Each structure stands twice: as structure tokens, then as C-alpha cells.
Amino acid sequence: MWSLSLVVVLVLFTFLFFHCSLKLWSKTLSMTK
């Protein structure tokens, strides 16, 4: 049970990280254009 919640938190964290990095990447891309 505890490990399951840990996995959920990990997945959520990775998703948030990827989302933020993608946003930043698109921002820099539009700035260079």
C-alpha cells in the first residue's frame, strides 16, 4: 500500500517535471525565432 502511493507520487513528479521542461523549451524556441 505504501509503495503504491510512492509510485503515484513519483509518476506525478515526473509528469510535472516534463510538463515544465516542455513549456520552457517552447518558450525558448519562440524567443530564438
N, C-alpha and C. Protein backbone atom coordinates (compact mmCIF):
# COMPACT_ATOMS: atom_id res chain seq x y z
N MET A 1 0.84 -1.20 0.00
CA MET A 1 0.00 0.00 0.00
C MET A 1 0.87 1.25 0.00
N TRP A 2 1.86 1.29 0.87
CA TRP A 2 2.73 2.46 0.96
C TRP A 2 3.54 2.65 -0.32
N SER A 3 4.00 1.51 -0.87
CA SER A 3 4.81 1.58 -2.09
C SER A 3 3.97 2.10 -3.26
N LEU A 4 2.69 1.78 -3.26
CA LEU A 4 1.80 2.23 -4.32
C LEU A 4 1.70 3.75 -4.32
N SER A 5 1.52 4.33 -3.16
CA SER A 5 1.43 5.79 -3.05
C SER A 5 2.74 6.43 -3.48
N LEU A 6 3.83 5.76 -3.16
CA LEU A 6 5.14 6.27 -3.53
C LEU A 6 5.28 6.32 -5.05
N VAL A 7 4.83 5.27 -5.70
CA VAL A 7 4.88 5.20 -7.17
C VAL A 7 4.02 6.30 -7.78
N VAL A 8 2.86 6.51 -7.20
CA VAL A 8 1.95 7.55 -7.70
C VAL A 8 2.61 8.92 -7.59
N VAL A 9 3.22 9.19 -6.47
CA VAL A 9 3.91 10.47 -6.26
C VAL A 9 5.05 10.64 -7.25
N LEU A 10 5.77 9.56 -7.48
CA LEU A 10 6.89 9.60 -8.41
C LEU A 10 6.42 9.92 -9.82
N VAL A 11 5.35 9.25 -10.23
CA VAL A 11 4.80 9.47 -11.57
C VAL A 11 4.31 10.92 -11.70
N LEU A 12 3.67 11.40 -10.68
CA LEU A 12 3.16 12.77 -10.69
C LEU A 12 4.31 13.76 -10.81
N PHE A 13 5.37 13.50 -10.07
CA PHE A 13 6.53 14.38 -10.10
C PHE A 13 7.18 14.40 -11.48
N THR A 14 7.33 13.23 -12.07
CA THR A 14 7.94 13.14 -13.40
C THR A 14 7.08 13.87 -14.43
N PHE A 15 5.77 13.69 -14.32
CA PHE A 15 4.86 14.35 -15.25
C PHE A 15 4.97 15.86 -15.14
N LEU A 16 5.03 16.35 -13.92
CA LEU A 16 5.14 17.79 -13.68
C LEU A 16 6.46 18.32 -14.23
N PHE A 17 7.53 17.57 -14.00
CA PHE A 17 8.85 17.96 -14.47
C PHE A 17 8.89 18.06 -16.00
N PHE A 18 8.33 17.03 -16.65
CA PHE A 18 8.31 17.01 -18.11
C PHE A 18 7.46 18.15 -18.66
N HIS A 19 6.35 18.41 -18.00
CA HIS A 19 5.44 19.47 -18.43
C HIS A 19 6.14 20.84 -18.35
N CYS A 20 6.82 21.06 -17.24
CA CYS A 20 7.53 22.34 -17.05
C CYS A 20 8.67 22.49 -18.06
N SER A 21 9.42 21.42 -18.27
CA SER A 21 10.54 21.47 -19.21
C SER A 21 10.05 21.71 -20.63
N LEU A 22 8.94 21.10 -20.97
CA LEU A 22 8.36 21.29 -22.30
C LEU A 22 7.92 22.73 -22.49
N LYS A 23 7.32 23.28 -21.47
CA LYS A 23 6.86 24.67 -21.53
C LYS A 23 8.05 25.61 -21.71
N LEU A 24 9.10 25.37 -20.94
CA LEU A 24 10.29 26.20 -21.01
C LEU A 24 10.94 26.07 -22.38
N TRP A 25 10.98 24.85 -22.89
CA TRP A 25 11.61 24.59 -24.18
C TRP A 25 10.89 25.35 -25.29
N SER A 26 9.57 25.30 -25.30
CA SER A 26 8.79 26.00 -26.32
C SER A 26 8.97 27.51 -26.19
N LYS A 27 9.12 27.97 -24.95
CA LYS A 27 9.31 29.40 -24.71
C LYS A 27 10.63 29.86 -25.33
N THR A 28 11.68 29.11 -25.07
CA THR A 28 12.99 29.48 -25.61
C THR A 28 13.00 29.36 -27.14
N LEU A 29 12.26 28.40 -27.65
CA LEU A 29 12.20 28.22 -29.10
C LEU A 29 11.54 29.42 -29.77
N SER A 30 10.47 29.89 -29.18
CA SER A 30 9.75 31.04 -29.75
C SER A 30 10.60 32.32 -29.62
N MET A 31 11.42 32.36 -28.58
CA MET A 31 12.27 33.54 -28.37
C MET A 31 13.39 33.60 -29.40
N THR A 32 13.93 32.46 -29.77
CA THR A 32 15.04 32.43 -30.72
C THR A 32 14.57 32.68 -32.15
N LYS A 33 13.32 32.41 -32.41
CA LYS A 33 12.79 32.58 -33.77
C LYS A 33 12.65 34.04 -34.17
